[in-house]
PDB file of N, CA and C in Angstrom:
ATOM      1  N   MET A   1      18.090  22.372 -13.344  1.00  0.00           N
ATOM      2  CA  MET A   1      17.130  21.784 -12.417  1.00  0.00           C
ATOM      3  C   MET A   1      16.019  21.120 -13.232  1.00  0.00           C
ATOM      4  N   PRO A   2      15.780  19.833 -13.016  1.00  0.00           N
ATOM      5  CA  PRO A   2      14.703  19.151 -13.737  1.00  0.00           C
ATOM      6  C   PRO A   2      13.340  19.599 -13.233  1.00  0.00           C
ATOM      7  N   TYR A   3      12.332  19.439 -14.080  1.00  0.00           N
ATOM      8  CA  TYR A   3      10.963  19.722 -13.665  1.00  0.00           C
ATOM      9  C   TYR A   3      10.178  18.421 -13.753  1.00  0.00           C
ATOM     10  N   PHE A   4       9.409  18.142 -12.705  1.00  0.00           N
ATOM     11  CA  PHE A   4       8.574  16.948 -12.686  1.00  0.00           C
ATOM     12  C   PHE A   4       7.164  17.296 -12.247  1.00  0.00           C
ATOM     13  N   ASP A   5       6.191  16.587 -12.821  1.00  0.00           N
ATOM     14  CA  ASP A   5       4.829  16.600 -12.288  1.00  0.00           C
ATOM     15  C   ASP A   5       4.827  15.566 -11.167  1.00  0.00           C
ATOM     16  N   ILE A   6       4.308  15.957 -10.019  1.00  0.00           N
ATOM     17  CA  ILE A   6       4.314  15.059  -8.867  1.00  0.00           C
ATOM     18  C   ILE A   6       2.878  14.729  -8.492  1.00  0.00           C
ATOM     19  N   ILE A   7       2.582  13.447  -8.403  1.00  0.00           N
ATOM     20  CA  ILE A   7       1.226  12.976  -8.106  1.00  0.00           C
ATOM     21  C   ILE A   7       1.045  12.884  -6.598  1.00  0.00           C
ATOM     22  N   TRP A   8      -0.005  13.536  -6.106  1.00  0.00           N
ATOM     23  CA  TRP A   8      -0.348  13.478  -4.680  1.00  0.00           C
ATOM     24  C   TRP A   8      -1.712  12.840  -4.507  1.00  0.00           C
ATOM     25  N   ASN A   9      -1.805  11.931  -3.555  1.00  0.00           N
ATOM     26  CA  ASN A   9      -3.054  11.257  -3.223  1.00  0.00           C
ATOM     27  C   ASN A   9      -3.458  11.697  -1.820  1.00  0.00           C
ATOM     28  N   ASP A  10      -4.503  12.553  -1.745  1.00  0.00           N
ATOM     29  CA  ASP A  10      -4.972  13.087  -0.461  1.00  0.00           C
ATOM     30  C   ASP A  10      -5.938  12.154   0.270  1.00  0.00           C
ATOM     31  N   GLU A  11      -6.270  11.039  -0.334  1.00  0.00           N
ATOM     32  CA  GLU A  11      -7.213  10.102   0.283  1.00  0.00           C
ATOM     33  C   GLU A  11      -6.577   9.445   1.511  1.00  0.00           C
ATOM     34  N   PRO A  12      -7.411   8.959   2.452  1.00  0.00           N
ATOM     35  CA  PRO A  12      -6.853   8.223   3.593  1.00  0.00           C
ATOM     36  C   PRO A  12      -5.977   7.066   3.094  1.00  0.00           C
ATOM     37  N   GLY A  13      -4.799   6.955   3.669  1.00  0.00           N
ATOM     38  CA  GLY A  13      -3.861   5.924   3.249  1.00  0.00           C
ATOM     39  C   GLY A  13      -3.001   6.309   2.057  1.00  0.00           C
ATOM     40  N   GLY A  14      -3.232   7.508   1.509  1.00  0.00           N
ATOM     41  CA  GLY A  14      -2.460   7.967   0.353  1.00  0.00           C
ATOM     42  C   GLY A  14      -1.076   8.462   0.737  1.00  0.00           C
ATOM     43  N   ASN A  15      -0.337   8.900  -0.267  1.00  0.00           N
ATOM     44  CA  ASN A  15       1.043   9.303   0.003  1.00  0.00           C
ATOM     45  C   ASN A  15       1.147  10.587   0.824  1.00  0.00           C
ATOM     46  N   VAL A  16       0.161  11.479   0.749  1.00  0.00           N
ATOM     47  CA  VAL A  16       0.199  12.694   1.573  1.00  0.00           C
ATOM     48  C   VAL A  16       0.125  12.318   3.049  1.00  0.00           C
ATOM     49  N   GLU A  17      -0.814  11.463   3.395  1.00  0.00           N
ATOM     50  CA  GLU A  17      -0.938  11.015   4.784  1.00  0.00           C
ATOM     51  C   GLU A  17       0.337  10.300   5.240  1.00  0.00           C
ATOM     52  N   HIS A  18       0.893   9.490   4.360  1.00  0.00           N
ATOM     53  CA  HIS A  18       2.082   8.715   4.728  1.00  0.00           C
ATOM     54  C   HIS A  18       3.273   9.623   5.028  1.00  0.00           C
ATOM     55  N   ILE A  19       3.532  10.608   4.173  1.00  0.00           N
ATOM     56  CA  ILE A  19       4.692  11.469   4.442  1.00  0.00           C
ATOM     57  C   ILE A  19       4.458  12.363   5.655  1.00  0.00           C
ATOM     58  N   ARG A  20       3.205  12.730   5.902  1.00  0.00           N
ATOM     59  CA  ARG A  20       2.915  13.537   7.102  1.00  0.00           C
ATOM     60  C   ARG A  20       3.220  12.757   8.375  1.00  0.00           C
ATOM     61  N   GLN A  21       3.058  11.433   8.329  1.00  0.00           N
ATOM     62  CA  GLN A  21       3.402  10.599   9.484  1.00  0.00           C
ATOM     63  C   GLN A  21       4.898  10.674   9.796  1.00  0.00           C
ATOM     64  N   HIS A  22       5.682  11.103   8.808  1.00  0.00           N
ATOM     65  CA  HIS A  22       7.126  11.247   8.986  1.00  0.00           C
ATOM     66  C   HIS A  22       7.525  12.706   9.202  1.00  0.00           C
ATOM     67  N   GLY A  23       6.533  13.562   9.478  1.00  0.00           N
ATOM     68  CA  GLY A  23       6.809  14.962   9.783  1.00  0.00           C
ATOM     69  C   GLY A  23       7.135  15.823   8.583  1.00  0.00           C
ATOM     70  N   LEU A  24       6.700  15.394   7.393  1.00  0.00           N
ATOM     71  CA  LEU A  24       7.003  16.126   6.170  1.00  0.00           C
ATOM     72  C   LEU A  24       5.733  16.562   5.455  1.00  0.00           C
ATOM     73  N   THR A  25       5.881  17.539   4.584  1.00  0.00           N
ATOM     74  CA  THR A  25       4.767  18.049   3.783  1.00  0.00           C
ATOM     75  C   THR A  25       5.037  17.754   2.307  1.00  0.00           C
ATOM     76  N   PRO A  26       3.999  17.838   1.470  1.00  0.00           N
ATOM     77  CA  PRO A  26       4.245  17.711   0.030  1.00  0.00           C
ATOM     78  C   PRO A  26       5.282  18.722  -0.471  1.00  0.00           C
ATOM     79  N   GLU A  27       5.269  19.927   0.074  1.00  0.00           N
ATOM     80  CA  GLU A  27       6.238  20.944  -0.345  1.00  0.00           C
ATOM     81  C   GLU A  27       7.668  20.510  -0.019  1.00  0.00           C
ATOM     82  N   ASP A  28       7.858  19.874   1.140  1.00  0.00           N
ATOM     83  CA  ASP A  28       9.184  19.367   1.505  1.00  0.00           C
ATOM     84  C   ASP A  28       9.663  18.334   0.484  1.00  0.00           C
ATOM     85  N   VAL A  29       8.785  17.397   0.161  1.00  0.00           N
ATOM     86  CA  VAL A  29       9.129  16.318  -0.766  1.00  0.00           C
ATOM     87  C   VAL A  29       9.389  16.876  -2.165  1.00  0.00           C
ATOM     88  N   GLU A  30       8.563  17.815  -2.606  1.00  0.00           N
ATOM     89  CA  GLU A  30       8.760  18.415  -3.926  1.00  0.00           C
ATOM     90  C   GLU A  30      10.106  19.116  -4.015  1.00  0.00           C
ATOM     91  N   ALA A  31      10.520  19.794  -2.949  1.00  0.00           N
ATOM     92  CA  ALA A  31      11.817  20.479  -2.950  1.00  0.00           C
ATOM     93  C   ALA A  31      12.951  19.481  -3.176  1.00  0.00           C
ATOM     94  N   VAL A  32      12.864  18.322  -2.539  1.00  0.00           N
ATOM     95  CA  VAL A  32      13.900  17.297  -2.694  1.00  0.00           C
ATOM     96  C   VAL A  32      13.876  16.719  -4.109  1.00  0.00           C
ATOM     97  N   LEU A  33      12.689  16.417  -4.623  1.00  0.00           N
ATOM     98  CA  LEU A  33      12.593  15.818  -5.952  1.00  0.00           C
ATOM     99  C   LEU A  33      13.011  16.787  -7.055  1.00  0.00           C
ATOM    100  N   GLN A  34      12.767  18.067  -6.872  1.00  0.00           N
ATOM    101  CA  GLN A  34      13.115  19.054  -7.903  1.00  0.00           C
ATOM    102  C   GLN A  34      14.603  19.408  -7.877  1.00  0.00           C
ATOM    103  N   GLU A  35      15.243  19.306  -6.699  1.00  0.00           N
ATOM    104  CA  GLU A  35      16.665  19.652  -6.581  1.00  0.00           C
ATOM    105  C   GLU A  35      17.414  18.648  -5.703  1.00  0.00           C
ATOM    106  N   PRO A  36      17.501  17.390  -6.145  1.00  0.00           N
ATOM    107  CA  PRO A  36      18.198  16.394  -5.324  1.00  0.00           C
ATOM    108  C   PRO A  36      19.703  16.648  -5.302  1.00  0.00           C
ATOM    109  N   ILE A  37      20.323  16.289  -4.185  1.00  0.00           N
ATOM    110  CA  ILE A  37      21.781  16.360  -4.123  1.00  0.00           C
ATOM    111  C   ILE A  37      22.396  15.014  -4.510  1.00  0.00           C
ATOM    112  N   ARG A  38      21.563  13.960  -4.482  1.00  0.00           N
ATOM    113  CA  ARG A  38      22.017  12.630  -4.874  1.00  0.00           C
ATOM    114  C   ARG A  38      20.803  11.783  -5.217  1.00  0.00           C
ATOM    115  N   THR A  39      20.954  10.889  -6.172  1.00  0.00           N
ATOM    116  CA  THR A  39      19.888   9.953  -6.530  1.00  0.00           C
ATOM    117  C   THR A  39      20.478   8.549  -6.604  1.00  0.00           C
ATOM    118  N   GLY A  40      19.597   7.567  -6.560  1.00  0.00           N
ATOM    119  CA  GLY A  40      20.042   6.187  -6.647  1.00  0.00           C
ATOM    120  C   GLY A  40      18.852   5.255  -6.666  1.00  0.00           C
ATOM    121  N   VAL A  41      19.077   4.042  -6.187  1.00  0.00           N
ATOM    122  CA  VAL A  41      18.035   3.020  -6.128  1.00  0.00           C
ATOM    123  C   VAL A  41      17.978   2.492  -4.700  1.00  0.00           C
ATOM    124  N   SER A  42      16.770   2.390  -4.156  1.00  0.00           N
ATOM    125  CA  SER A  42      16.577   1.867  -2.802  1.00  0.00           C
ATOM    126  C   SER A  42      16.990   0.400  -2.752  1.00  0.00           C
ATOM    127  N   ARG A  43      17.824   0.054  -1.781  1.00  0.00           N
ATOM    128  CA  ARG A  43      18.234  -1.346  -1.621  1.00  0.00           C
ATOM    129  C   ARG A  43      17.072  -2.227  -1.182  1.00  0.00           C
ATOM    130  N   SER A  44      16.127  -1.658  -0.424  1.00  0.00           N
ATOM    131  CA  SER A  44      15.038  -2.491   0.102  1.00  0.00           C
ATOM    132  C   SER A  44      13.898  -2.683  -0.891  1.00  0.00           C
ATOM    133  N   SER A  45      13.569  -1.645  -1.677  1.00  0.00           N
ATOM    134  CA  SER A  45      12.411  -1.752  -2.570  1.00  0.00           C
ATOM    135  C   SER A  45      12.773  -1.818  -4.050  1.00  0.00           C
ATOM    136  N   GLY A  46      13.990  -1.403  -4.402  1.00  0.00           N
ATOM    137  CA  GLY A  46      14.377  -1.353  -5.809  1.00  0.00           C
ATOM    138  C   GLY A  46      13.835  -0.136  -6.541  1.00  0.00           C
ATOM    139  N   ARG A  47      13.154   0.736  -5.812  1.00  0.00           N
ATOM    140  CA  ARG A  47      12.591   1.951  -6.416  1.00  0.00           C
ATOM    141  C   ARG A  47      13.642   3.062  -6.452  1.00  0.00           C
ATOM    142  N   PRO A  48      13.429   4.053  -7.335  1.00  0.00           N
ATOM    143  CA  PRO A  48      14.321   5.214  -7.338  1.00  0.00           C
ATOM    144  C   PRO A  48      14.250   5.944  -6.000  1.00  0.00           C
ATOM    145  N   ILE A  49      15.359   6.586  -5.648  1.00  0.00           N
ATOM    146  CA  ILE A  49      15.455   7.295  -4.379  1.00  0.00           C
ATOM    147  C   ILE A  49      16.187   8.614  -4.623  1.00  0.00           C
ATOM    148  N   ALA A  50      15.773   9.647  -3.911  1.00  0.00           N
ATOM    149  CA  ALA A  50      16.423  10.953  -4.016  1.00  0.00           C
ATOM    150  C   ALA A  50      16.713  11.481  -2.617  1.00  0.00           C
ATOM    151  N   PHE A  51      17.856  12.137  -2.487  1.00  0.00           N
ATOM    152  CA  PHE A  51      18.249  12.775  -1.232  1.00  0.00           C
ATOM    153  C   PHE A  51      18.382  14.265  -1.489  1.00  0.00           C
ATOM    154  N   GLY A  52      17.920  15.066  -0.543  1.00  0.00           N
ATOM    155  CA  GLY A  52      18.046  16.508  -0.690  1.00  0.00           C
ATOM    156  C   GLY A  52      17.558  17.214   0.552  1.00  0.00           C
ATOM    157  N   PHE A  53      17.522  18.536   0.452  1.00  0.00           N
ATOM    158  CA  PHE A  53      17.160  19.358   1.599  1.00  0.00           C
ATOM    159  C   PHE A  53      15.781  19.985   1.431  1.00  0.00           C
ATOM    160  N   THR A  54      15.048  20.049   2.539  1.00  0.00           N
ATOM    161  CA  THR A  54      13.766  20.749   2.571  1.00  0.00           C
ATOM    162  C   THR A  54      14.042  22.248   2.641  1.00  0.00           C
ATOM    163  N   PRO A  55      13.030  23.083   2.391  1.00  0.00           N
ATOM    164  CA  PRO A  55      13.240  24.530   2.501  1.00  0.00           C
ATOM    165  C   PRO A  55      13.761  24.968   3.870  1.00  0.00           C
ATOM    166  N   ASP A  56      13.441  24.200   4.935  1.00  0.00           N
ATOM    167  CA  ASP A  56      13.938  24.577   6.269  1.00  0.00           C
ATOM    168  C   ASP A  56      15.260  23.886   6.628  1.00  0.00           C
ATOM    169  N   GLY A  57      15.889  23.219   5.649  1.00  0.00           N
ATOM    170  CA  GLY A  57      17.238  22.702   5.837  1.00  0.00           C
ATOM    171  C   GLY A  57      17.385  21.276   6.316  1.00  0.00           C
ATOM    172  N   ARG A  58      16.285  20.523   6.438  1.00  0.00           N
ATOM    173  CA  ARG A  58      16.399  19.123   6.869  1.00  0.00           C
ATOM    174  C   ARG A  58      16.821  18.240   5.692  1.00  0.00           C
ATOM    175  N   LEU A  59      17.705  17.287   5.962  1.00  0.00           N
ATOM    176  CA  LEU A  59      18.113  16.323   4.947  1.00  0.00           C
ATOM    177  C   LEU A  59      17.063  15.219   4.896  1.00  0.00           C
ATOM    178  N   VAL A  60      16.546  14.960   3.695  1.00  0.00           N
ATOM    179  CA  VAL A  60      15.424  14.037   3.527  1.00  0.00           C
ATOM    180  C   VAL A  60      15.741  13.024   2.430  1.00  0.00           C
ATOM    181  N   CYS A  61      15.209  11.829   2.615  1.00  0.00           N
ATOM    182  CA  CYS A  61      15.257  10.765   1.620  1.00  0.00           C
ATOM    183  C   CYS A  61      13.836  10.561   1.096  1.00  0.00           C
ATOM    184  N   VAL A  62      13.674  10.527  -0.221  1.00  0.00           N
ATOM    185  CA  VAL A  62      12.364  10.304  -0.838  1.00  0.00           C
ATOM    186  C   VAL A  62      12.456   9.078  -1.744  1.00  0.00           C
ATOM    187  N   VAL A  63      11.596   8.109  -1.511  1.00  0.00           N
ATOM    188  CA  VAL A  63      11.476   6.941  -2.378  1.00  0.00           C
ATOM    189  C   VAL A  63      10.249   7.186  -3.247  1.00  0.00           C
ATOM    190  N   PHE A  64      10.395   6.950  -4.555  1.00  0.00           N
ATOM    191  CA  PHE A  64       9.307   7.294  -5.473  1.00  0.00           C
ATOM    192  C   PHE A  64       9.221   6.294  -6.618  1.00  0.00           C
ATOM    193  N   GLU A  65       8.112   6.384  -7.349  1.00  0.00           N
ATOM    194  CA  GLU A  65       7.944   5.633  -8.590  1.00  0.00           C
ATOM    195  C   GLU A  65       7.991   6.634  -9.727  1.00  0.00           C
ATOM    196  N   GLN A  66       8.721   6.310 -10.785  1.00  0.00           N
ATOM    197  CA  GLN A  66       8.749   7.177 -11.956  1.00  0.00           C
ATOM    198  C   GLN A  66       7.695   6.650 -12.919  1.00  0.00           C
ATOM    199  N   VAL A  67       6.581   7.393 -13.016  1.00  0.00           N
ATOM    200  CA  VAL A  67       5.439   6.982 -13.831  1.00  0.00           C
ATOM    201  C   VAL A  67       5.781   7.096 -15.311  1.00  0.00           C
ATOM    202  N   ASP A  68       6.402   8.204 -15.691  1.00  0.00           N
ATOM    203  CA  ASP A  68       6.922   8.418 -17.037  1.00  0.00           C
ATOM    204  C   ASP A  68       8.078   9.402 -16.916  1.00  0.00           C
ATOM    205  N   GLN A  69       8.560   9.938 -18.030  1.00  0.00           N
ATOM    206  CA  GLN A  69       9.755  10.787 -17.981  1.00  0.00           C
ATOM    207  C   GLN A  69       9.591  12.034 -17.129  1.00  0.00           C
ATOM    208  N   VAL A  70       8.365  12.529 -16.987  1.00  0.00           N
ATOM    209  CA  VAL A  70       8.171  13.784 -16.248  1.00  0.00           C
ATOM    210  C   VAL A  70       7.223  13.659 -15.064  1.00  0.00           C
ATOM    211  N   THR A  71       6.786  12.443 -14.735  1.00  0.00           N
ATOM    212  CA  THR A  71       5.800  12.266 -13.670  1.00  0.00           C
ATOM    213  C   THR A  71       6.335  11.328 -12.593  1.00  0.00           C
ATOM    214  N   LEU A  72       6.266  11.804 -11.340  1.00  0.00           N
ATOM    215  CA  LEU A  72       6.741  11.026 -10.203  1.00  0.00           C
ATOM    216  C   LEU A  72       5.622  10.833  -9.186  1.00  0.00           C
ATOM    217  N   TYR A  73       5.629   9.673  -8.538  1.00  0.00           N
ATOM    218  CA  TYR A  73       4.697   9.385  -7.451  1.00  0.00           C
ATOM    219  C   TYR A  73       5.522   9.077  -6.204  1.00  0.00           C
ATOM    220  N   PRO A  74       5.596  10.013  -5.237  1.00  0.00           N
ATOM    221  CA  PRO A  74       6.328   9.744  -4.001  1.00  0.00           C
ATOM    222  C   PRO A  74       5.660   8.619  -3.208  1.00  0.00           C
ATOM    223  N   VAL A  75       6.425   7.620  -2.833  1.00  0.00           N
ATOM    224  CA  VAL A  75       5.906   6.489  -2.070  1.00  0.00           C
ATOM    225  C   VAL A  75       6.078   6.741  -0.578  1.00  0.00           C
ATOM    226  N   THR A  76       7.266   7.177  -0.193  1.00  0.00           N
ATOM    227  CA  THR A  76       7.551   7.490   1.200  1.00  0.00           C
ATOM    228  C   THR A  76       8.678   8.509   1.256  1.00  0.00           C
ATOM    229  N   ALA A  77       8.810   9.138   2.390  1.00  0.00           N
ATOM    230  CA  ALA A  77       9.895  10.096   2.611  1.00  0.00           C
ATOM    231  C   ALA A  77      10.149  10.176   4.104  1.00  0.00           C
ATOM    232  N   PHE A  78      11.400  10.407   4.448  1.00  0.00           N
ATOM    233  CA  PHE A  78      11.728  10.518   5.865  1.00  0.00           C
ATOM    234  C   PHE A  78      12.959  11.385   6.048  1.00  0.00           C
ATOM    235  N   VAL A  79      13.049  11.988   7.222  1.00  0.00           N
ATOM    236  CA  VAL A  79      14.182  12.835   7.574  1.00  0.00           C
ATOM    237  C   VAL A  79      15.345  11.937   7.971  1.00  0.00           C
ATOM    238  N   ILE A  80      16.525  12.280   7.503  1.00  0.00           N
ATOM    239  CA  ILE A  80      17.734  11.544   7.856  1.00  0.00           C
ATOM    240  C   ILE A  80      18.391  12.268   9.018  1.00  0.00           C
ATOM    241  N   ASP A  81      18.500  11.570  10.130  1.00  0.00           N
ATOM    242  CA  ASP A  81      19.175  12.148  11.295  1.00  0.00           C
ATOM    243  C   ASP A  81      20.673  12.066  11.072  1.00  0.00           C
ATOM    244  N   GLU A  82      21.317  13.215  11.100  1.00  0.00           N
ATOM    245  CA  GLU A  82      22.769  13.245  10.854  1.00  0.00           C
ATOM    246  C   GLU A  82      23.541  12.920  12.105  1.00  0.00           C
TER     247      GLU A  82
END
């Protein structure tokens, strides 16, 4: 399991507010980024993307920026309806 430092911006308009608009918490997103079941590149933004499960079992997609080898900045995340 990889380890990453994850950057959170609690300011209005930051990534914490954005993911909360999608019904997710920083803990949900961190779970996906730390243990993805699949990774790739977003077709729409060209950014890295990770798919995985939240602690409560929801399948989630996280789009992020890789700041350096160990630092990630989540841009958006959303639940995938199966």
